[in-house]
Structures are given as C-alpha cells and as structure tokens.
Amino acid sequence: MGENNGTRKLAIICSKGSLDMAYPGLVLANAARQAGVEAVLFFTFWGMEIIHKEKQKNLKVSTVGNPSMHMPTVLGGIPGMSTMASSMMKKKIDELDIPPIDEFVEMIHDAGAKLYACRMAADMMDIKEEDLVPQVDGIISAMDFIDISEGAQTIFI
C-alpha cells in the first residue's frame, strides 16, 4: 500500500475477536477487493483470535453486556447462552451462504488483501507467527501499519 498514488485504499483495524465482530472487517475487505480497492487488515488485541490457528474456528457471540442482544445482562451470563447465540448466528450465516471465518480469511487473502498481526498484541499474548493462519502476511508494529496504510480510508472495528 504505502503512499497514495491515486489508487483507492481501505485499512481496517480489527480489535475484537467475537464471532459477531469478526465479520464486519472481513465483509468490508471482501467488498473492497471486489470493487478493485486495495485492502489491508490489521489485527490487534482480541482481534488476533480471528487469525489464530487454534482459536479461529471457535469464535463465539458475546452475550454479556451486549446491548444488541436485547436481553438483560443477567440472562446473557447464563451458562450456555453464548454457545446458543453463536450456534444461531452460525446457522444464519450458513443459510445466507456466507463463508465461515477461516474460509473468508483465505478468500480475502487470495483476492489480494494484506493481513497483518499487531506486534505489541502478539508479544503481550505470547503469540508467535507459527500460531497464526498462513494467510497472515506478517507481524508488524503500529508504526509499520501507519506507513503501509498511508492515504487509506481507515476503519476501526
């Protein structure tokens, strides 16, 4: 990406790793690539779960403290509620023919989007490059991301 040479660019910072928060960044990156817009995703803090080999397939919907669940917080904390909500969301995603997270990440990367993990978050969580899915283009610093995303429209999720 780097400097702006007239090409449209989209930089997406993915900071949350719940199932419902993984899709917005992936959908936007996919739409950007389909429109011929350069796309770079920067996964930081809990967003690292989206690109973590062990955790990627087990993302869940957060039911506690999620006002969009339209239920009292105390109900969201009932054992199994997050699993039930996650199952319902996965079923709907499948019905709509939206790919699961792992396939979506691969599809976006294959379409030319760049995926980077945050160096500080990786160090804090003892995550190594070999812990991440092969579509990750590297672990970079925030300053590297700023350089890479120069001139891009930036979205923080």
N, C-alpha and C. Protein backbone atom coordinates (compact mmCIF):
# COMPACT_ATOMS: atom_id res chain seq x y z
N MET A 1 0.85 -1.17 0.00
CA MET A 1 0.00 0.00 0.00
C MET A 1 0.90 1.24 0.00
N GLY A 2 1.40 1.68 1.14
CA GLY A 2 2.31 2.81 1.16
C GLY A 2 1.69 4.09 0.69
N GLU A 3 2.45 4.90 -0.03
CA GLU A 3 1.98 6.23 -0.41
C GLU A 3 0.81 6.17 -1.39
N ASN A 4 0.01 7.21 -1.38
CA ASN A 4 -1.19 7.26 -2.22
C ASN A 4 -0.79 7.69 -3.64
N ASN A 5 -1.00 6.80 -4.59
CA ASN A 5 -0.68 7.08 -5.99
C ASN A 5 -1.96 7.17 -6.82
N GLY A 6 -3.07 7.55 -6.17
CA GLY A 6 -4.35 7.66 -6.86
C GLY A 6 -5.20 6.41 -6.73
N THR A 7 -4.64 5.34 -6.22
CA THR A 7 -5.38 4.10 -6.02
C THR A 7 -6.18 4.21 -4.73
N ARG A 8 -7.42 3.75 -4.79
CA ARG A 8 -8.25 3.75 -3.58
C ARG A 8 -7.74 2.67 -2.63
N LYS A 9 -7.75 3.00 -1.32
CA LYS A 9 -7.23 2.08 -0.32
C LYS A 9 -8.14 2.07 0.90
N LEU A 10 -8.26 0.90 1.50
CA LEU A 10 -9.03 0.75 2.72
C LEU A 10 -8.18 0.01 3.73
N ALA A 11 -8.03 0.60 4.91
CA ALA A 11 -7.31 -0.04 6.01
C ALA A 11 -8.31 -0.33 7.12
N ILE A 12 -8.34 -1.57 7.57
CA ILE A 12 -9.30 -1.99 8.59
C ILE A 12 -8.54 -2.51 9.80
N ILE A 13 -8.84 -1.93 10.95
CA ILE A 13 -8.24 -2.37 12.20
C ILE A 13 -9.26 -3.24 12.90
N CYS A 14 -8.93 -4.51 13.07
CA CYS A 14 -9.83 -5.48 13.72
C CYS A 14 -9.36 -5.69 15.14
N SER A 15 -10.11 -5.17 16.12
CA SER A 15 -9.67 -5.21 17.52
C SER A 15 -10.49 -6.15 18.39
N LYS A 16 -11.52 -6.76 17.83
CA LYS A 16 -12.39 -7.62 18.63
C LYS A 16 -12.45 -9.00 17.99
N GLY A 17 -12.48 -10.03 18.83
CA GLY A 17 -12.41 -11.39 18.33
C GLY A 17 -13.65 -12.23 18.53
N SER A 18 -14.79 -11.59 18.79
CA SER A 18 -16.01 -12.38 18.91
C SER A 18 -16.55 -12.66 17.50
N LEU A 19 -17.39 -13.67 17.39
CA LEU A 19 -17.92 -14.07 16.09
C LEU A 19 -18.64 -12.91 15.40
N ASP A 20 -19.46 -12.18 16.16
CA ASP A 20 -20.23 -11.08 15.57
C ASP A 20 -19.36 -9.89 15.20
N MET A 21 -18.17 -9.77 15.77
CA MET A 21 -17.28 -8.66 15.44
C MET A 21 -16.21 -9.05 14.42
N ALA A 22 -16.10 -10.33 14.10
CA ALA A 22 -15.13 -10.76 13.09
C ALA A 22 -15.63 -10.44 11.68
N TYR A 23 -16.91 -10.61 11.47
CA TYR A 23 -17.46 -10.46 10.12
C TYR A 23 -17.41 -9.04 9.54
N PRO A 24 -17.66 -7.98 10.31
CA PRO A 24 -17.65 -6.65 9.68
C PRO A 24 -16.35 -6.33 8.92
N GLY A 25 -15.22 -6.58 9.52
CA GLY A 25 -13.95 -6.30 8.85
C GLY A 25 -13.73 -7.18 7.63
N LEU A 26 -14.10 -8.44 7.75
CA LEU A 26 -13.92 -9.37 6.64
C LEU A 26 -14.85 -9.01 5.47
N VAL A 27 -16.08 -8.67 5.79
CA VAL A 27 -17.04 -8.28 4.74
C VAL A 27 -16.56 -7.01 4.03
N LEU A 28 -16.10 -6.03 4.80
CA LEU A 28 -15.62 -4.78 4.19
C LEU A 28 -14.38 -5.02 3.32
N ALA A 29 -13.47 -5.85 3.80
CA ALA A 29 -12.27 -6.15 3.00
C ALA A 29 -12.64 -6.87 1.71
N ASN A 30 -13.58 -7.79 1.81
CA ASN A 30 -14.03 -8.52 0.62
C ASN A 30 -14.69 -7.57 -0.38
N ALA A 31 -15.55 -6.69 0.12
CA ALA A 31 -16.22 -5.72 -0.76
C ALA A 31 -15.19 -4.81 -1.43
N ALA A 32 -14.20 -4.39 -0.65
CA ALA A 32 -13.15 -3.52 -1.21
C ALA A 32 -12.43 -4.22 -2.35
N ARG A 33 -12.03 -5.46 -2.13
CA ARG A 33 -11.29 -6.18 -3.17
C ARG A 33 -12.17 -6.41 -4.40
N GLN A 34 -13.45 -6.70 -4.19
CA GLN A 34 -14.35 -6.90 -5.33
C GLN A 34 -14.51 -5.61 -6.13
N ALA A 35 -14.38 -4.47 -5.46
CA ALA A 35 -14.50 -3.17 -6.12
C ALA A 35 -13.16 -2.67 -6.65
N GLY A 36 -12.12 -3.47 -6.52
CA GLY A 36 -10.80 -3.08 -7.00
C GLY A 36 -10.06 -2.14 -6.07
N VAL A 37 -10.52 -2.06 -4.83
CA VAL A 37 -9.88 -1.20 -3.83
C VAL A 37 -8.85 -2.02 -3.06
N GLU A 38 -7.65 -1.46 -2.88
CA GLU A 38 -6.65 -2.13 -2.07
C GLU A 38 -7.18 -2.25 -0.65
N ALA A 39 -6.89 -3.38 0.01
CA ALA A 39 -7.36 -3.57 1.38
C ALA A 39 -6.24 -4.16 2.23
N VAL A 40 -6.11 -3.61 3.44
CA VAL A 40 -5.18 -4.14 4.41
C VAL A 40 -5.92 -4.25 5.74
N LEU A 41 -5.75 -5.38 6.40
CA LEU A 41 -6.36 -5.60 7.71
C LEU A 41 -5.26 -5.72 8.75
N PHE A 42 -5.47 -5.06 9.88
CA PHE A 42 -4.52 -5.07 10.99
C PHE A 42 -5.25 -5.63 12.20
N PHE A 43 -4.85 -6.81 12.64
CA PHE A 43 -5.49 -7.49 13.75
C PHE A 43 -4.73 -7.20 15.04
N THR A 44 -5.43 -6.64 16.01
CA THR A 44 -4.80 -6.26 17.27
C THR A 44 -5.65 -6.70 18.45
N PHE A 45 -5.03 -6.86 19.59
CA PHE A 45 -5.68 -7.30 20.82
C PHE A 45 -6.58 -8.50 20.56
N TRP A 46 -7.85 -8.45 20.93
CA TRP A 46 -8.71 -9.64 20.79
C TRP A 46 -8.97 -9.98 19.33
N GLY A 47 -8.76 -9.05 18.44
CA GLY A 47 -8.92 -9.33 17.02
C GLY A 47 -7.94 -10.38 16.51
N MET A 48 -6.88 -10.62 17.28
CA MET A 48 -5.89 -11.64 16.91
C MET A 48 -6.54 -13.03 16.85
N GLU A 49 -7.64 -13.22 17.58
CA GLU A 49 -8.31 -14.52 17.59
C GLU A 49 -8.85 -14.88 16.21
N ILE A 50 -9.15 -13.89 15.39
CA ILE A 50 -9.67 -14.12 14.04
C ILE A 50 -8.63 -14.81 13.16
N ILE A 51 -7.36 -14.58 13.44
CA ILE A 51 -6.29 -15.13 12.60
C ILE A 51 -5.43 -16.16 13.34
N HIS A 52 -5.85 -16.55 14.53
CA HIS A 52 -5.12 -17.54 15.34
C HIS A 52 -5.57 -18.94 14.95
N LYS A 53 -4.64 -19.82 14.59
CA LYS A 53 -4.97 -21.17 14.13
C LYS A 53 -5.89 -21.91 15.09
N GLU A 54 -5.58 -21.86 16.38
CA GLU A 54 -6.32 -22.62 17.38
C GLU A 54 -7.67 -22.00 17.72
N LYS A 55 -7.80 -20.70 17.62
CA LYS A 55 -8.99 -20.01 18.12
C LYS A 55 -9.97 -19.61 17.03
N GLN A 56 -9.51 -19.52 15.81
CA GLN A 56 -10.30 -19.01 14.69
C GLN A 56 -11.64 -19.74 14.51
N LYS A 57 -11.66 -21.05 14.65
CA LYS A 57 -12.88 -21.82 14.40
C LYS A 57 -13.82 -21.87 15.61
N ASN A 58 -13.42 -21.28 16.73
CA ASN A 58 -14.22 -21.35 17.94
C ASN A 58 -14.69 -19.99 18.43
N LEU A 59 -14.78 -19.00 17.54
CA LEU A 59 -15.24 -17.68 17.95
C LEU A 59 -16.71 -17.76 18.35
N LYS A 60 -17.06 -17.00 19.37
CA LYS A 60 -18.44 -17.02 19.89
C LYS A 60 -19.00 -15.60 19.94
N VAL A 61 -20.31 -15.52 19.97
CA VAL A 61 -21.01 -14.25 20.17
C VAL A 61 -20.97 -13.92 21.65
N SER A 62 -20.63 -12.69 21.97
CA SER A 62 -20.62 -12.25 23.36
C SER A 62 -22.03 -11.83 23.75
N THR A 63 -22.60 -12.50 24.75
CA THR A 63 -23.96 -12.17 25.16
C THR A 63 -23.99 -11.28 26.40
N VAL A 64 -22.92 -11.22 27.14
CA VAL A 64 -22.89 -10.40 28.36
C VAL A 64 -22.50 -8.97 27.99
N GLY A 65 -23.31 -8.02 28.41
CA GLY A 65 -23.01 -6.62 28.17
C GLY A 65 -23.16 -6.21 26.71
N ASN A 66 -23.86 -6.99 25.92
CA ASN A 66 -24.07 -6.68 24.51
C ASN A 66 -25.48 -6.13 24.35
N PRO A 67 -25.64 -4.80 24.28
CA PRO A 67 -26.98 -4.23 24.21
C PRO A 67 -27.78 -4.66 22.98
N SER A 68 -27.12 -5.09 21.95
CA SER A 68 -27.81 -5.54 20.74
C SER A 68 -28.46 -6.91 20.90
N MET A 69 -28.18 -7.57 22.01
CA MET A 69 -28.82 -8.86 22.26
C MET A 69 -30.26 -8.67 22.75
N HIS A 70 -30.58 -7.45 23.17
CA HIS A 70 -31.93 -7.13 23.63
C HIS A 70 -32.41 -8.06 24.74
N MET A 71 -31.50 -8.31 25.68
CA MET A 71 -31.85 -9.11 26.85
C MET A 71 -31.10 -8.54 28.05
N PRO A 72 -31.64 -8.73 29.24
CA PRO A 72 -30.93 -8.25 30.42
C PRO A 72 -29.55 -8.92 30.54
N THR A 73 -28.58 -8.17 31.01
CA THR A 73 -27.21 -8.68 31.15
C THR A 73 -27.18 -9.98 31.94
N VAL A 74 -28.01 -10.08 32.97
CA VAL A 74 -28.02 -11.28 33.80
C VAL A 74 -28.38 -12.53 32.98
N LEU A 75 -29.25 -12.40 31.99
CA LEU A 75 -29.60 -13.54 31.14
C LEU A 75 -28.44 -13.92 30.22
N GLY A 76 -27.69 -12.91 29.77
CA GLY A 76 -26.54 -13.18 28.91
C GLY A 76 -25.48 -14.00 29.60
N GLY A 77 -25.46 -13.95 30.93
CA GLY A 77 -24.46 -14.69 31.71
C GLY A 77 -24.85 -16.11 32.05
N ILE A 78 -26.04 -16.52 31.68
CA ILE A 78 -26.47 -17.89 31.96
C ILE A 78 -25.57 -18.85 31.18
N PRO A 79 -25.08 -19.90 31.85
CA PRO A 79 -24.21 -20.87 31.16
C PRO A 79 -24.88 -21.40 29.89
N GLY A 80 -24.13 -21.41 28.81
CA GLY A 80 -24.61 -21.91 27.54
C GLY A 80 -25.26 -20.86 26.65
N MET A 81 -25.53 -19.67 27.20
CA MET A 81 -26.21 -18.64 26.40
C MET A 81 -25.34 -18.19 25.23
N SER A 82 -24.05 -17.99 25.46
CA SER A 82 -23.14 -17.58 24.38
C SER A 82 -23.05 -18.67 23.31
N THR A 83 -22.99 -19.91 23.74
CA THR A 83 -22.92 -21.03 22.79
C THR A 83 -24.19 -21.09 21.96
N MET A 84 -25.35 -20.90 22.61
CA MET A 84 -26.62 -20.93 21.88
C MET A 84 -26.68 -19.77 20.86
N ALA A 85 -26.32 -18.57 21.29
CA ALA A 85 -26.35 -17.42 20.39
C ALA A 85 -25.38 -17.62 19.23
N SER A 86 -24.22 -18.20 19.52
CA SER A 86 -23.22 -18.46 18.47
C SER A 86 -23.75 -19.48 17.47
N SER A 87 -24.40 -20.52 17.95
CA SER A 87 -24.96 -21.54 17.07
C SER A 87 -26.03 -20.94 16.16
N MET A 88 -26.86 -20.08 16.74
CA MET A 88 -27.91 -19.43 15.95
C MET A 88 -27.30 -18.55 14.87
N MET A 89 -26.24 -17.79 15.22
CA MET A 89 -25.60 -16.91 14.24
C MET A 89 -24.92 -17.73 13.14
N LYS A 90 -24.24 -18.81 13.52
CA LYS A 90 -23.57 -19.66 12.53
C LYS A 90 -24.57 -20.28 11.58
N LYS A 91 -25.73 -20.67 12.10
CA LYS A 91 -26.78 -21.25 11.26
C LYS A 91 -27.26 -20.23 10.24
N LYS A 92 -27.49 -19.00 10.69
CA LYS A 92 -27.96 -17.95 9.80
C LYS A 92 -26.88 -17.61 8.75
N ILE A 93 -25.63 -17.55 9.18
CA ILE A 93 -24.52 -17.29 8.26
C ILE A 93 -24.48 -18.37 7.18
N ASP A 94 -24.64 -19.61 7.58
CA ASP A 94 -24.65 -20.73 6.63
C ASP A 94 -25.83 -20.62 5.67
N GLU A 95 -27.02 -20.28 6.20
CA GLU A 95 -28.21 -20.13 5.35
C GLU A 95 -28.02 -19.04 4.30
N LEU A 96 -27.29 -17.99 4.65
CA LEU A 96 -27.06 -16.88 3.74
C LEU A 96 -25.87 -17.13 2.81
N ASP A 97 -25.27 -18.31 2.94
CA ASP A 97 -24.12 -18.71 2.11
C ASP A 97 -22.92 -17.78 2.30
N ILE A 98 -22.75 -17.34 3.53
CA ILE A 98 -21.57 -16.54 3.89
C ILE A 98 -20.53 -17.52 4.40
N PRO A 99 -19.29 -17.40 3.95
CA PRO A 99 -18.29 -18.38 4.36
C PRO A 99 -17.96 -18.28 5.85
N PRO A 100 -17.58 -19.41 6.45
CA PRO A 100 -17.09 -19.35 7.83
C PRO A 100 -15.79 -18.54 7.88
N ILE A 101 -15.41 -18.14 9.07
CA ILE A 101 -14.25 -17.24 9.27
C ILE A 101 -13.01 -17.74 8.54
N ASP A 102 -12.64 -19.00 8.72
CA ASP A 102 -11.39 -19.49 8.12
C ASP A 102 -11.41 -19.39 6.60
N GLU A 103 -12.54 -19.75 5.98
CA GLU A 103 -12.64 -19.65 4.53
C GLU A 103 -12.66 -18.19 4.07
N PHE A 104 -13.31 -17.33 4.84
CA PHE A 104 -13.39 -15.91 4.49
C PHE A 104 -12.00 -15.29 4.51
N VAL A 105 -11.22 -15.60 5.54
CA VAL A 105 -9.85 -15.08 5.65
C VAL A 105 -9.03 -15.54 4.44
N GLU A 106 -9.14 -16.81 4.09
CA GLU A 106 -8.40 -17.33 2.94
C GLU A 106 -8.85 -16.66 1.64
N MET A 107 -10.15 -16.50 1.49
CA MET A 107 -10.72 -15.89 0.28
C MET A 107 -10.23 -14.44 0.12
N ILE A 108 -10.25 -13.69 1.20
CA ILE A 108 -9.82 -12.28 1.16
C ILE A 108 -8.34 -12.19 0.82
N HIS A 109 -7.55 -13.04 1.45
CA HIS A 109 -6.10 -13.04 1.17
C HIS A 109 -5.84 -13.41 -0.29
N ASP A 110 -6.53 -14.44 -0.78
CA ASP A 110 -6.35 -14.86 -2.17
C ASP A 110 -6.77 -13.77 -3.16
N ALA A 111 -7.69 -12.89 -2.72
CA ALA A 111 -8.14 -11.79 -3.57
C ALA A 111 -7.16 -10.62 -3.56
N GLY A 112 -6.11 -10.72 -2.74
CA GLY A 112 -5.08 -9.70 -2.74
C GLY A 112 -5.04 -8.79 -1.53
N ALA A 113 -5.94 -8.99 -0.57
CA ALA A 113 -5.88 -8.19 0.66
C ALA A 113 -4.65 -8.60 1.47
N LYS A 114 -4.10 -7.67 2.19
CA LYS A 114 -2.97 -7.95 3.06
C LYS A 114 -3.47 -8.05 4.49
N LEU A 115 -2.99 -9.05 5.22
CA LEU A 115 -3.40 -9.28 6.60
C LEU A 115 -2.17 -9.24 7.49
N TYR A 116 -2.23 -8.40 8.51
CA TYR A 116 -1.11 -8.24 9.43
C TYR A 116 -1.57 -8.38 10.87
N ALA A 117 -0.72 -8.98 11.68
CA ALA A 117 -0.94 -9.08 13.11
C ALA A 117 -0.14 -7.98 13.79
N CYS A 118 -0.65 -7.50 14.90
CA CYS A 118 -0.01 -6.43 15.67
C CYS A 118 1.13 -6.99 16.51
N ARG A 119 2.31 -6.42 16.38
CA ARG A 119 3.50 -6.87 17.11
C ARG A 119 3.29 -6.75 18.62
N MET A 120 2.78 -5.61 19.10
CA MET A 120 2.60 -5.42 20.53
C MET A 120 1.61 -6.44 21.10
N ALA A 121 0.48 -6.64 20.42
CA ALA A 121 -0.52 -7.60 20.89
C ALA A 121 0.05 -9.02 20.88
N ALA A 122 0.78 -9.36 19.84
CA ALA A 122 1.40 -10.69 19.75
C ALA A 122 2.37 -10.90 20.91
N ASP A 123 3.19 -9.91 21.19
CA ASP A 123 4.14 -10.01 22.30
C ASP A 123 3.42 -10.12 23.64
N MET A 124 2.38 -9.32 23.83
CA MET A 124 1.63 -9.35 25.09
C MET A 124 0.96 -10.70 25.31
N MET A 125 0.51 -11.34 24.24
CA MET A 125 -0.24 -12.59 24.35
C MET A 125 0.62 -13.82 24.04
N ASP A 126 1.94 -13.60 23.92
CA ASP A 126 2.87 -14.69 23.60
C ASP A 126 2.47 -15.46 22.34
N ILE A 127 2.06 -14.72 21.33
CA ILE A 127 1.67 -15.32 20.06
C ILE A 127 2.84 -15.20 19.10
N LYS A 128 3.17 -16.31 18.49
CA LYS A 128 4.25 -16.37 17.51
C LYS A 128 3.65 -16.49 16.11
N GLU A 129 4.44 -16.19 15.10
CA GLU A 129 3.96 -16.25 13.72
C GLU A 129 3.41 -17.64 13.38
N GLU A 130 4.03 -18.69 13.91
CA GLU A 130 3.56 -20.05 13.61
C GLU A 130 2.20 -20.37 14.27
N ASP A 131 1.75 -19.52 15.20
CA ASP A 131 0.42 -19.68 15.81
C ASP A 131 -0.68 -19.13 14.93
N LEU A 132 -0.30 -18.37 13.91
CA LEU A 132 -1.26 -17.68 13.07
C LEU A 132 -1.52 -18.45 11.77
N VAL A 133 -2.68 -18.20 11.18
CA VAL A 133 -3.02 -18.86 9.92
C VAL A 133 -2.02 -18.42 8.84
N PRO A 134 -1.79 -19.26 7.84
CA PRO A 134 -0.77 -18.94 6.82
C PRO A 134 -1.08 -17.71 5.97
N GLN A 135 -2.32 -17.24 5.99
CA GLN A 135 -2.68 -16.07 5.18
C GLN A 135 -2.15 -14.77 5.78
N VAL A 136 -1.68 -14.80 7.02
CA VAL A 136 -1.14 -13.59 7.65
C VAL A 136 0.19 -13.26 6.99
N ASP A 137 0.30 -12.02 6.52
CA ASP A 137 1.50 -11.59 5.79
C ASP A 137 2.64 -11.20 6.71
N GLY A 138 2.40 -11.14 8.00
CA GLY A 138 3.46 -10.84 8.94
C GLY A 138 2.93 -10.21 10.21
N ILE A 139 3.83 -10.12 11.18
CA ILE A 139 3.55 -9.43 12.43
C ILE A 139 4.31 -8.11 12.36
N ILE A 140 3.56 -7.01 12.44
CA ILE A 140 4.18 -5.69 12.25
C ILE A 140 3.83 -4.76 13.41
N SER A 141 4.60 -3.71 13.52
CA SER A 141 4.34 -2.71 14.57
C SER A 141 3.25 -1.74 14.11
N ALA A 142 2.73 -1.00 15.06
CA ALA A 142 1.73 0.03 14.74
C ALA A 142 2.32 1.05 13.77
N MET A 143 3.59 1.40 13.95
CA MET A 143 4.23 2.37 13.04
C MET A 143 4.32 1.80 11.62
N ASP A 144 4.62 0.51 11.51
CA ASP A 144 4.64 -0.13 10.18
C ASP A 144 3.27 -0.05 9.53
N PHE A 145 2.22 -0.31 10.34
CA PHE A 145 0.85 -0.25 9.81
C PHE A 145 0.52 1.16 9.34
N ILE A 146 0.94 2.16 10.09
CA ILE A 146 0.70 3.55 9.69
C ILE A 146 1.36 3.83 8.34
N ASP A 147 2.58 3.34 8.17
CA ASP A 147 3.27 3.52 6.88
C ASP A 147 2.54 2.78 5.75
N ILE A 148 2.17 1.54 6.01
CA ILE A 148 1.51 0.72 4.99
C ILE A 148 0.17 1.31 4.58
N SER A 149 -0.54 1.88 5.55
CA SER A 149 -1.90 2.36 5.28
C SER A 149 -1.96 3.85 4.92
N GLU A 150 -0.82 4.44 4.65
CA GLU A 150 -0.80 5.87 4.29
C GLU A 150 -1.74 6.13 3.11
N GLY A 151 -2.58 7.14 3.27
CA GLY A 151 -3.51 7.54 2.22
C GLY A 151 -4.79 6.71 2.16
N ALA A 152 -4.91 5.75 3.04
CA ALA A 152 -6.09 4.87 3.02
C ALA A 152 -7.21 5.44 3.88
N GLN A 153 -8.43 5.10 3.52
CA GLN A 153 -9.56 5.32 4.42
C GLN A 153 -9.41 4.27 5.51
N THR A 154 -9.48 4.66 6.78
CA THR A 154 -9.25 3.73 7.88
C THR A 154 -10.52 3.52 8.68
N ILE A 155 -10.81 2.26 8.96
CA ILE A 155 -11.98 1.88 9.74
C ILE A 155 -11.50 1.06 10.93
N PHE A 156 -11.97 1.43 12.12
CA PHE A 156 -11.62 0.72 13.35
C PHE A 156 -12.83 -0.07 13.82
N ILE A 157 -12.64 -1.38 13.95
CA ILE A 157 -13.74 -2.25 14.39
C ILE A 157 -13.32 -2.93 15.69
